[in-house]
Amino acid sequence: MAIVTVKNKYQVVIPQHVRDEIGVSVGDVFEAKAEKGKIVFEPKSLVDRGIAESMAEYKAGQSFGPFATHKQFLAALHKEAKKVSTKKPKRRP
C-alpha cells in the first residue's frame, strides 16, 4: 500500500509500482469519479470527432471497399466523382 498526499493544486502522484501494475503512461486520460466515498480513476480513450463520425458512417454501411485491386478502387472513385459532377449548381437571380 502506498500513501499519497494531495498537493496545493489538488495534484496527486500515482506511485511507480501502481503505474507499472496498470500500465499508465504520460498523456493517458482517465475519468475521475466518486464511488462509495472513494475516488476512482478509470482509463478512457478519446476519439477525435471526425474519426467518431467516420466510424459511425462505416457501421451504418456508408463506406466503400475493400478493393481487391487498385483498378477497382479507381473505378469506384470515378463513379462517385460522376455522381457529384452531374449535379447542377443552383443559380441565384
PDB file of N, CA and C in Angstrom:
ATOM      1  N   MET A   1       0.856  -1.181   0.000  1.00  0.00           N
ATOM      2  CA  MET A   1       0.000   0.000   0.000  1.00  0.00           C
ATOM      3  C   MET A   1       0.892   1.231   0.000  1.00  0.00           C
ATOM      4  N   ALA A   2       0.511   2.212  -0.822  1.00  0.00           N
ATOM      5  CA  ALA A   2       1.271   3.451  -0.914  1.00  0.00           C
ATOM      6  C   ALA A   2       0.415   4.593  -0.384  1.00  0.00           C
ATOM      7  N   ILE A   3       1.035   5.487   0.332  1.00  0.00           N
ATOM      8  CA  ILE A   3       0.369   6.673   0.856  1.00  0.00           C
ATOM      9  C   ILE A   3       0.736   7.843  -0.059  1.00  0.00           C
ATOM     10  N   VAL A   4      -0.268   8.611  -0.474  1.00  0.00           N
ATOM     11  CA  VAL A   4      -0.023   9.777  -1.322  1.00  0.00           C
ATOM     12  C   VAL A   4      -0.596  11.009  -0.636  1.00  0.00           C
ATOM     13  N   THR A   5      -0.110  12.166  -1.039  1.00  0.00           N
ATOM     14  CA  THR A   5      -0.545  13.430  -0.461  1.00  0.00           C
ATOM     15  C   THR A   5      -1.154  14.292  -1.549  1.00  0.00           C
ATOM     16  N   VAL A   6      -2.223  14.993  -1.219  1.00  0.00           N
ATOM     17  CA  VAL A   6      -2.833  15.940  -2.142  1.00  0.00           C
ATOM     18  C   VAL A   6      -2.038  17.239  -2.043  1.00  0.00           C
ATOM     19  N   LYS A   7      -1.520  17.690  -3.175  1.00  0.00           N
ATOM     20  CA  LYS A   7      -0.693  18.904  -3.212  1.00  0.00           C
ATOM     21  C   LYS A   7      -1.575  20.149  -3.224  1.00  0.00           C
ATOM     22  N   ASN A   8      -0.935  21.345  -3.231  1.00  0.00           N
ATOM     23  CA  ASN A   8      -1.684  22.591  -3.120  1.00  0.00           C
ATOM     24  C   ASN A   8      -2.619  22.855  -4.301  1.00  0.00           C
ATOM     25  N   LYS A   9      -2.383  22.287  -5.459  1.00  0.00           N
ATOM     26  CA  LYS A   9      -3.290  22.433  -6.604  1.00  0.00           C
ATOM     27  C   LYS A   9      -4.120  21.158  -6.794  1.00  0.00           C
ATOM     28  N   TYR A  10      -4.293  20.409  -5.739  1.00  0.00           N
ATOM     29  CA  TYR A  10      -5.062  19.153  -5.728  1.00  0.00           C
ATOM     30  C   TYR A  10      -4.464  18.105  -6.660  1.00  0.00           C
ATOM     31  N   GLN A  11      -3.163  18.133  -6.821  1.00  0.00           N
ATOM     32  CA  GLN A  11      -2.485  17.137  -7.624  1.00  0.00           C
ATOM     33  C   GLN A  11      -2.057  15.974  -6.737  1.00  0.00           C
ATOM     34  N   VAL A  12      -2.133  14.774  -7.310  1.00  0.00           N
ATOM     35  CA  VAL A  12      -1.739  13.557  -6.607  1.00  0.00           C
ATOM     36  C   VAL A  12      -0.797  12.783  -7.515  1.00  0.00           C
ATOM     37  N   VAL A  13       0.299  12.287  -6.966  1.00  0.00           N
ATOM     38  CA  VAL A  13       1.252  11.494  -7.734  1.00  0.00           C
ATOM     39  C   VAL A  13       0.886  10.016  -7.581  1.00  0.00           C
ATOM     40  N   ILE A  14       0.759   9.339  -8.716  1.00  0.00           N
ATOM     41  CA  ILE A  14       0.479   7.895  -8.686  1.00  0.00           C
ATOM     42  C   ILE A  14       1.810   7.191  -8.479  1.00  0.00           C
ATOM     43  N   PRO A  15       1.923   6.378  -7.431  1.00  0.00           N
ATOM     44  CA  PRO A  15       3.197   5.701  -7.150  1.00  0.00           C
ATOM     45  C   PRO A  15       3.653   4.817  -8.317  1.00  0.00           C
ATOM     46  N   GLN A  16       4.963   4.687  -8.460  1.00  0.00           N
ATOM     47  CA  GLN A  16       5.571   3.947  -9.558  1.00  0.00           C
ATOM     48  C   GLN A  16       5.047   2.520  -9.674  1.00  0.00           C
ATOM     49  N   HIS A  17       4.977   1.795  -8.556  1.00  0.00           N
ATOM     50  CA  HIS A  17       4.548   0.386  -8.649  1.00  0.00           C
ATOM     51  C   HIS A  17       3.094   0.273  -9.096  1.00  0.00           C
ATOM     52  N   VAL A  18       2.260   1.262  -8.767  1.00  0.00           N
ATOM     53  CA  VAL A  18       0.866   1.257  -9.215  1.00  0.00           C
ATOM     54  C   VAL A  18       0.813   1.561 -10.712  1.00  0.00           C
ATOM     55  N   ARG A  19       1.595   2.541 -11.176  1.00  0.00           N
ATOM     56  CA  ARG A  19       1.651   2.863 -12.605  1.00  0.00           C
ATOM     57  C   ARG A  19       2.109   1.651 -13.412  1.00  0.00           C
ATOM     58  N   ASP A  20       3.130   0.964 -12.906  1.00  0.00           N
ATOM     59  CA  ASP A  20       3.638  -0.216 -13.600  1.00  0.00           C
ATOM     60  C   ASP A  20       2.600  -1.332 -13.650  1.00  0.00           C
ATOM     61  N   GLU A  21       1.873  -1.496 -12.556  1.00  0.00           N
ATOM     62  CA  GLU A  21       0.890  -2.588 -12.462  1.00  0.00           C
ATOM     63  C   GLU A  21      -0.256  -2.409 -13.462  1.00  0.00           C
ATOM     64  N   ILE A  22      -0.697  -1.160 -13.665  1.00  0.00           N
ATOM     65  CA  ILE A  22      -1.826  -0.951 -14.575  1.00  0.00           C
ATOM     66  C   ILE A  22      -1.415  -0.381 -15.925  1.00  0.00           C
ATOM     67  N   GLY A  23      -0.120  -0.084 -16.098  1.00  0.00           N
ATOM     68  CA  GLY A  23       0.376   0.362 -17.397  1.00  0.00           C
ATOM     69  C   GLY A  23       0.063   1.807 -17.736  1.00  0.00           C
ATOM     70  N   VAL A  24       0.161   2.703 -16.781  1.00  0.00           N
ATOM     71  CA  VAL A  24      -0.088   4.127 -17.024  1.00  0.00           C
ATOM     72  C   VAL A  24       1.127   4.757 -17.688  1.00  0.00           C
ATOM     73  N   SER A  25       0.862   5.566 -18.729  1.00  0.00           N
ATOM     74  CA  SER A  25       1.922   6.291 -19.420  1.00  0.00           C
ATOM     75  C   SER A  25       1.601   7.779 -19.400  1.00  0.00           C
ATOM     76  N   VAL A  26       2.621   8.590 -19.647  1.00  0.00           N
ATOM     77  CA  VAL A  26       2.422  10.032 -19.725  1.00  0.00           C
ATOM     78  C   VAL A  26       1.435  10.331 -20.851  1.00  0.00           C
ATOM     79  N   GLY A  27       0.444  11.162 -20.580  1.00  0.00           N
ATOM     80  CA  GLY A  27      -0.552  11.528 -21.577  1.00  0.00           C
ATOM     81  C   GLY A  27      -1.807  10.686 -21.545  1.00  0.00           C
ATOM     82  N   ASP A  28      -1.851   9.621 -20.744  1.00  0.00           N
ATOM     83  CA  ASP A  28      -3.055   8.810 -20.638  1.00  0.00           C
ATOM     84  C   ASP A  28      -4.185   9.643 -20.047  1.00  0.00           C
ATOM     85  N   VAL A  29      -5.407   9.307 -20.417  1.00  0.00           N
ATOM     86  CA  VAL A  29      -6.586  10.041 -19.967  1.00  0.00           C
ATOM     87  C   VAL A  29      -7.422   9.136 -19.066  1.00  0.00           C
ATOM     88  N   PHE A  30      -7.925   9.709 -17.980  1.00  0.00           N
ATOM     89  CA  PHE A  30      -8.739   8.969 -17.029  1.00  0.00           C
ATOM     90  C   PHE A  30     -10.022   9.722 -16.735  1.00  0.00           C
ATOM     91  N   GLU A  31     -11.068   8.979 -16.415  1.00  0.00           N
ATOM     92  CA  GLU A  31     -12.302   9.566 -15.907  1.00  0.00           C
ATOM     93  C   GLU A  31     -12.230   9.447 -14.393  1.00  0.00           C
ATOM     94  N   ALA A  32     -12.444  10.545 -13.690  1.00  0.00           N
ATOM     95  CA  ALA A  32     -12.417  10.540 -12.229  1.00  0.00           C
ATOM     96  C   ALA A  32     -13.841  10.610 -11.713  1.00  0.00           C
ATOM     97  N   LYS A  33     -14.162   9.740 -10.760  1.00  0.00           N
ATOM     98  CA  LYS A  33     -15.497   9.766 -10.169  1.00  0.00           C
ATOM     99  C   LYS A  33     -15.426   9.300  -8.722  1.00  0.00           C
ATOM    100  N   ALA A  34     -16.439   9.647  -7.972  1.00  0.00           N
ATOM    101  CA  ALA A  34     -16.534   9.236  -6.570  1.00  0.00           C
ATOM    102  C   ALA A  34     -17.506   8.069  -6.479  1.00  0.00           C
ATOM    103  N   GLU A  35     -17.064   6.980  -5.856  1.00  0.00           N
ATOM    104  CA  GLU A  35     -17.910   5.798  -5.660  1.00  0.00           C
ATOM    105  C   GLU A  35     -17.798   5.337  -4.212  1.00  0.00           C
ATOM    106  N   LYS A  36     -18.892   5.394  -3.511  1.00  0.00           N
ATOM    107  CA  LYS A  36     -18.957   4.914  -2.123  1.00  0.00           C
ATOM    108  C   LYS A  36     -17.856   5.530  -1.265  1.00  0.00           C
ATOM    109  N   GLY A  37     -17.662   6.832  -1.411  1.00  0.00           N
ATOM    110  CA  GLY A  37     -16.675   7.539  -0.603  1.00  0.00           C
ATOM    111  C   GLY A  37     -15.233   7.361  -1.048  1.00  0.00           C
ATOM    112  N   LYS A  38     -15.016   6.785  -2.230  1.00  0.00           N
ATOM    113  CA  LYS A  38     -13.667   6.584  -2.758  1.00  0.00           C
ATOM    114  C   LYS A  38     -13.522   7.299  -4.094  1.00  0.00           C
ATOM    115  N   ILE A  39     -12.311   7.707  -4.399  1.00  0.00           N
ATOM    116  CA  ILE A  39     -12.021   8.297  -5.705  1.00  0.00           C
ATOM    117  C   ILE A  39     -11.576   7.169  -6.626  1.00  0.00           C
ATOM    118  N   VAL A  40     -12.226   7.079  -7.783  1.00  0.00           N
ATOM    119  CA  VAL A  40     -11.913   6.028  -8.746  1.00  0.00           C
ATOM    120  C   VAL A  40     -11.489   6.685 -10.057  1.00  0.00           C
ATOM    121  N   PHE A  41     -10.327   6.282 -10.575  1.00  0.00           N
ATOM    122  CA  PHE A  41      -9.844   6.741 -11.873  1.00  0.00           C
ATOM    123  C   PHE A  41      -9.975   5.581 -12.849  1.00  0.00           C
ATOM    124  N   GLU A  42     -10.727   5.818 -13.934  1.00  0.00           N
ATOM    125  CA  GLU A  42     -10.932   4.778 -14.933  1.00  0.00           C
ATOM    126  C   GLU A  42     -10.300   5.219 -16.251  1.00  0.00           C
ATOM    127  N   PRO A  43      -9.422   4.400 -16.825  1.00  0.00           N
ATOM    128  CA  PRO A  43      -8.780   4.775 -18.102  1.00  0.00           C
ATOM    129  C   PRO A  43      -9.828   4.974 -19.193  1.00  0.00           C
ATOM    130  N   LYS A  44      -9.638   6.007 -20.007  1.00  0.00           N
ATOM    131  CA  LYS A  44     -10.545   6.309 -21.112  1.00  0.00           C
ATOM    132  C   LYS A  44      -9.720   6.577 -22.362  1.00  0.00           C
ATOM    133  N   SER A  45     -10.325   6.316 -23.497  1.00  0.00           N
ATOM    134  CA  SER A  45      -9.677   6.676 -24.756  1.00  0.00           C
ATOM    135  C   SER A  45     -10.535   7.735 -25.425  1.00  0.00           C
ATOM    136  N   LEU A  46      -9.901   8.801 -25.833  1.00  0.00           N
ATOM    137  CA  LEU A  46     -10.604   9.880 -26.505  1.00  0.00           C
ATOM    138  C   LEU A  46     -10.477   9.688 -28.001  1.00  0.00           C
ATOM    139  N   VAL A  47     -11.585   9.901 -28.708  1.00  0.00           N
ATOM    140  CA  VAL A  47     -11.595   9.748 -30.160  1.00  0.00           C
ATOM    141  C   VAL A  47     -11.978  11.091 -30.768  1.00  0.00           C
ATOM    142  N   ASP A  48     -11.208  11.522 -31.742  1.00  0.00           N
ATOM    143  CA  ASP A  48     -11.491  12.753 -32.462  1.00  0.00           C
ATOM    144  C   ASP A  48     -12.902  12.690 -33.049  1.00  0.00           C
ATOM    145  N   ARG A  49     -13.601  13.817 -33.065  1.00  0.00           N
ATOM    146  CA  ARG A  49     -14.979  13.859 -33.557  1.00  0.00           C
ATOM    147  C   ARG A  49     -15.068  13.364 -35.003  1.00  0.00           C
ATOM    148  N   GLY A  50     -14.137  13.755 -35.849  1.00  0.00           N
ATOM    149  CA  GLY A  50     -14.155  13.319 -37.247  1.00  0.00           C
ATOM    150  C   GLY A  50     -14.001  11.811 -37.368  1.00  0.00           C
ATOM    151  N   ILE A  51     -13.131  11.248 -36.557  1.00  0.00           N
ATOM    152  CA  ILE A  51     -12.947   9.791 -36.574  1.00  0.00           C
ATOM    153  C   ILE A  51     -14.202   9.102 -36.064  1.00  0.00           C
ATOM    154  N   ALA A  52     -14.806   9.651 -35.019  1.00  0.00           N
ATOM    155  CA  ALA A  52     -16.039   9.065 -34.481  1.00  0.00           C
ATOM    156  C   ALA A  52     -17.148   9.086 -35.522  1.00  0.00           C
ATOM    157  N   GLU A  53     -17.273  10.190 -36.272  1.00  0.00           N
ATOM    158  CA  GLU A  53     -18.277  10.266 -37.325  1.00  0.00           C
ATOM    159  C   GLU A  53     -17.997   9.255 -38.428  1.00  0.00           C
ATOM    160  N   SER A  54     -16.735   9.110 -38.791  1.00  0.00           N
ATOM    161  CA  SER A  54     -16.364   8.141 -39.822  1.00  0.00           C
ATOM    162  C   SER A  54     -16.684   6.716 -39.375  1.00  0.00           C
ATOM    163  N   MET A  55     -16.419   6.427 -38.114  1.00  0.00           N
ATOM    164  CA  MET A  55     -16.722   5.089 -37.591  1.00  0.00           C
ATOM    165  C   MET A  55     -18.226   4.838 -37.612  1.00  0.00           C
ATOM    166  N   ALA A  56     -19.026   5.854 -37.284  1.00  0.00           N
ATOM    167  CA  ALA A  56     -20.483   5.714 -37.302  1.00  0.00           C
ATOM    168  C   ALA A  56     -20.980   5.484 -38.733  1.00  0.00           C
ATOM    169  N   GLU A  57     -20.419   6.220 -39.697  1.00  0.00           N
ATOM    170  CA  GLU A  57     -20.796   6.030 -41.098  1.00  0.00           C
ATOM    171  C   GLU A  57     -20.427   4.622 -41.570  1.00  0.00           C
ATOM    172  N   TYR A  58     -19.273   4.139 -41.158  1.00  0.00           N
ATOM    173  CA  TYR A  58     -18.846   2.794 -41.550  1.00  0.00           C
ATOM    174  C   TYR A  58     -19.813   1.750 -40.981  1.00  0.00           C
ATOM    175  N   LYS A  59     -20.184   1.909 -39.708  1.00  0.00           N
ATOM    176  CA  LYS A  59     -21.112   0.963 -39.084  1.00  0.00           C
ATOM    177  C   LYS A  59     -22.486   1.007 -39.752  1.00  0.00           C
ATOM    178  N   ALA A  60     -22.861   2.175 -40.294  1.00  0.00           N
ATOM    179  CA  ALA A  60     -24.146   2.326 -40.974  1.00  0.00           C
ATOM    180  C   ALA A  60     -24.093   1.827 -42.417  1.00  0.00           C
ATOM    181  N   GLY A  61     -22.940   1.345 -42.849  1.00  0.00           N
ATOM    182  CA  GLY A  61     -22.807   0.809 -44.196  1.00  0.00           C
ATOM    183  C   GLY A  61     -22.524   1.857 -45.256  1.00  0.00           C
ATOM    184  N   GLN A  62     -22.128   3.048 -44.844  1.00  0.00           N
ATOM    185  CA  GLN A  62     -21.851   4.124 -45.789  1.00  0.00           C
ATOM    186  C   GLN A  62     -20.355   4.171 -46.100  1.00  0.00           C
ATOM    187  N   SER A  63     -19.839   3.067 -46.602  1.00  0.00           N
ATOM    188  CA  SER A  63     -18.414   3.008 -46.909  1.00  0.00           C
ATOM    189  C   SER A  63     -18.209   2.279 -48.235  1.00  0.00           C
ATOM    190  N   PHE A  64     -17.012   2.350 -48.740  1.00  0.00           N
ATOM    191  CA  PHE A  64     -16.658   1.702 -49.989  1.00  0.00           C
ATOM    192  C   PHE A  64     -15.536   0.709 -49.729  1.00  0.00           C
ATOM    193  N   GLY A  65     -15.516  -0.352 -50.511  1.00  0.00           N
ATOM    194  CA  GLY A  65     -14.426  -1.298 -50.389  1.00  0.00           C
ATOM    195  C   GLY A  65     -14.782  -2.440 -49.461  1.00  0.00           C
ATOM    196  N   PRO A  66     -13.847  -3.298 -49.193  1.00  0.00           N
ATOM    197  CA  PRO A  66     -12.448  -3.280 -49.608  1.00  0.00           C
ATOM    198  C   PRO A  66     -12.321  -3.633 -51.085  1.00  0.00           C
ATOM    199  N   PHE A  67     -11.248  -3.189 -51.663  1.00  0.00           N
ATOM    200  CA  PHE A  67     -10.998  -3.405 -53.078  1.00  0.00           C
ATOM    201  C   PHE A  67      -9.865  -4.408 -53.245  1.00  0.00           C
ATOM    202  N   ALA A  68     -10.036  -5.291 -54.217  1.00  0.00           N
ATOM    203  CA  ALA A  68      -9.016  -6.312 -54.467  1.00  0.00           C
ATOM    204  C   ALA A  68      -7.828  -5.734 -55.237  1.00  0.00           C
ATOM    205  N   THR A  69      -8.108  -4.735 -56.075  1.00  0.00           N
ATOM    206  CA  THR A  69      -7.032  -4.146 -56.882  1.00  0.00           C
ATOM    207  C   THR A  69      -7.147  -2.626 -56.867  1.00  0.00           C
ATOM    208  N   HIS A  70      -6.089  -1.971 -57.281  1.00  0.00           N
ATOM    209  CA  HIS A  70      -6.128  -0.512 -57.360  1.00  0.00           C
ATOM    210  C   HIS A  70      -7.068  -0.058 -58.473  1.00  0.00           C
ATOM    211  N   LYS A  71      -7.255  -0.875 -59.492  1.00  0.00           N
ATOM    212  CA  LYS A  71      -8.165  -0.521 -60.582  1.00  0.00           C
ATOM    213  C   LYS A  71      -9.609  -0.461 -60.087  1.00  0.00           C
ATOM    214  N   GLN A  72      -9.985  -1.405 -59.228  1.00  0.00           N
ATOM    215  CA  GLN A  72     -11.328  -1.370 -58.633  1.00  0.00           C
ATOM    216  C   GLN A  72     -11.505  -0.114 -57.780  1.00  0.00           C
ATOM    217  N   PHE A  73     -10.472   0.246 -57.058  1.00  0.00           N
ATOM    218  CA  PHE A  73     -10.516   1.450 -56.229  1.00  0.00           C
ATOM    219  C   PHE A  73     -10.711   2.698 -57.086  1.00  0.00           C
ATOM    220  N   LEU A  74      -9.922   2.815 -58.161  1.00  0.00           N
ATOM    221  CA  LEU A  74     -10.029   3.974 -59.043  1.00  0.00           C
ATOM    222  C   LEU A  74     -11.386   4.024 -59.740  1.00  0.00           C
ATOM    223  N   ALA A  75     -11.917   2.878 -60.140  1.00  0.00           N
ATOM    224  CA  ALA A  75     -13.227   2.840 -60.783  1.00  0.00           C
ATOM    225  C   ALA A  75     -14.311   3.348 -59.827  1.00  0.00           C
ATOM    226  N   ALA A  76     -14.220   2.961 -58.574  1.00  0.00           N
ATOM    227  CA  ALA A  76     -15.190   3.422 -57.573  1.00  0.00           C
ATOM    228  C   ALA A  76     -15.068   4.934 -57.367  1.00  0.00           C
ATOM    229  N   LEU A  77     -13.842   5.454 -57.349  1.00  0.00           N
ATOM    230  CA  LEU A  77     -13.641   6.901 -57.207  1.00  0.00           C
ATOM    231  C   LEU A  77     -14.246   7.659 -58.387  1.00  0.00           C
ATOM    232  N   HIS A  78     -14.014   7.169 -59.591  1.00  0.00           N
ATOM    233  CA  HIS A  78     -14.548   7.829 -60.786  1.00  0.00           C
ATOM    234  C   HIS A  78     -16.078   7.786 -60.788  1.00  0.00           C
ATOM    235  N   LYS A  79     -16.643   6.687 -60.361  1.00  0.00           N
ATOM    236  CA  LYS A  79     -18.100   6.553 -60.294  1.00  0.00           C
ATOM    237  C   LYS A  79     -18.685   7.583 -59.329  1.00  0.00           C
ATOM    238  N   GLU A  80     -18.077   7.741 -58.179  1.00  0.00           N
ATOM    239  CA  GLU A  80     -18.546   8.719 -57.193  1.00  0.00           C
ATOM    240  C   GLU A  80     -18.343  10.142 -57.696  1.00  0.00           C
ATOM    241  N   ALA A  81     -17.248  10.386 -58.394  1.00  0.00           N
ATOM    242  CA  ALA A  81     -16.978  11.724 -58.936  1.00  0.00           C
ATOM    243  C   ALA A  81     -18.031  12.097 -59.976  1.00  0.00           C
ATOM    244  N   LYS A  82     -18.476  11.134 -60.777  1.00  0.00           N
ATOM    245  CA  LYS A  82     -19.515  11.400 -61.767  1.00  0.00           C
ATOM    246  C   LYS A  82     -20.819  11.795 -61.083  1.00  0.00           C
ATOM    247  N   LYS A  83     -21.135  11.144 -59.976  1.00  0.00           N
ATOM    248  CA  LYS A  83     -22.352  11.470 -59.240  1.00  0.00           C
ATOM    249  C   LYS A  83     -22.317  12.913 -58.759  1.00  0.00           C
ATOM    250  N   VAL A  84     -21.180  13.331 -58.276  1.00  0.00           N
ATOM    251  CA  VAL A  84     -21.039  14.688 -57.751  1.00  0.00           C
ATOM    252  C   VAL A  84     -21.062  15.710 -58.876  1.00  0.00           C
ATOM    253  N   SER A  85     -20.379  15.426 -59.982  1.00  0.00           N
ATOM    254  CA  SER A  85     -20.265  16.402 -61.069  1.00  0.00           C
ATOM    255  C   SER A  85     -21.546  16.514 -61.890  1.00  0.00           C
ATOM    256  N   THR A  86     -22.440  15.525 -61.866  1.00  0.00           N
ATOM    257  CA  THR A  86     -23.678  15.597 -62.640  1.00  0.00           C
ATOM    258  C   THR A  86     -24.730  16.461 -61.955  1.00  0.00           C
ATOM    259  N   LYS A  87     -24.552  16.771 -60.712  1.00  0.00           N
ATOM    260  CA  LYS A  87     -25.495  17.648 -60.023  1.00  0.00           C
ATOM    261  C   LYS A  87     -25.238  19.077 -60.463  1.00  0.00           C
ATOM    262  N   LYS A  88     -26.305  19.735 -60.910  1.00  0.00           N
ATOM    263  CA  LYS A  88     -26.146  21.115 -61.375  1.00  0.00           C
ATOM    264  C   LYS A  88     -26.186  22.075 -60.193  1.00  0.00           C
ATOM    265  N   PRO A  89     -25.310  23.052 -60.204  1.00  0.00           N
ATOM    266  CA  PRO A  89     -25.330  24.033 -59.114  1.00  0.00           C
ATOM    267  C   PRO A  89     -26.556  24.920 -59.219  1.00  0.00           C
ATOM    268  N   LYS A  90     -27.026  25.373 -58.068  1.00  0.00           N
ATOM    269  CA  LYS A  90     -28.198  26.262 -58.063  1.00  0.00           C
ATOM    270  C   LYS A  90     -27.755  27.654 -58.489  1.00  0.00           C
ATOM    271  N   ARG A  91     -28.556  28.255 -59.352  1.00  0.00           N
ATOM    272  CA  ARG A  91     -28.257  29.605 -59.820  1.00  0.00           C
ATOM    273  C   ARG A  91     -29.040  30.598 -58.997  1.00  0.00           C
ATOM    274  N   ARG A  92     -28.383  31.661 -58.689  1.00  0.00           N
ATOM    275  CA  ARG A  92     -29.041  32.733 -57.951  1.00  0.00           C
ATOM    276  C   ARG A  92     -29.446  33.825 -58.940  1.00  0.00           C
ATOM    277  N   PRO A  93     -30.607  34.438 -58.734  1.00  0.00           N
ATOM    278  CA  PRO A  93     -31.055  35.505 -59.637  1.00  0.00           C
ATOM    279  C   PRO A  93     -30.259  36.776 -59.477  1.00  0.00           C
TER     280      PRO A  93
END
